[in-house]
Amino acid sequence: MPTPLQSLKRRLFWIVARTCFTLYRLFPLFGSLRASVGIIRHGQTFLVIQRNDGRGFSLPGGISSRKEAEIDTLRREVLEETGLTVTGEELKMRYHSTADVPCDISVFEAEASGELKGSWEGSPRWMTLPELEPRLLESQRPVLDLLRKISAEVHQDGDAEKKGKTE
């Protein structure tokens, strides 16, 4: 059960996020924004954020600050949203989205360590791909094919390990 302060922060985030997205969609003063998101996997599950603004689930990440490198954005946002420290990363893809606001998004497969904790933006949780697919933010849907590929590779690696143990 969230404390009254946590509930207030979540409601405040809902108001701020919805207002900012609406205003920037109408008045994109700085053109296309830049963002970084991370795919953090544990077995067959992926780390996602259940967003407090009611928009669904997202991969950890967010909008870059002015002149901030995409990798620095990833590290900062993962730490802010999950409490985890990125310990390794590999750029997997880039794409442009206009689903929420015009944005160029860099997607990293990342490893992270630390103690998982939430933030005013949302609550982190582990989800399987079938659980996540219908709930992932529209702006991150282009990442689904990559998540399917990663899931298939993990599944194949697990099958190979099992086969090696039985021989």
Foldseek 3Di string as FASTA:
>chain_A
DDDPVLVVLLVVLLVVVVVVLVVCLVPVPPPAWEKEFEFEDDQQWTKWFQFSNNQFIEGFIDTDDVPDDHVNRHQVRCCQAWVWGWPDKDWDDWDFDPLRHTYIYIYIHTYTDDHTDGHSGGHMDIDGLVVCQVGYHPRCNVCSVVSVVVSVVSVVVVVVVVVVVVD
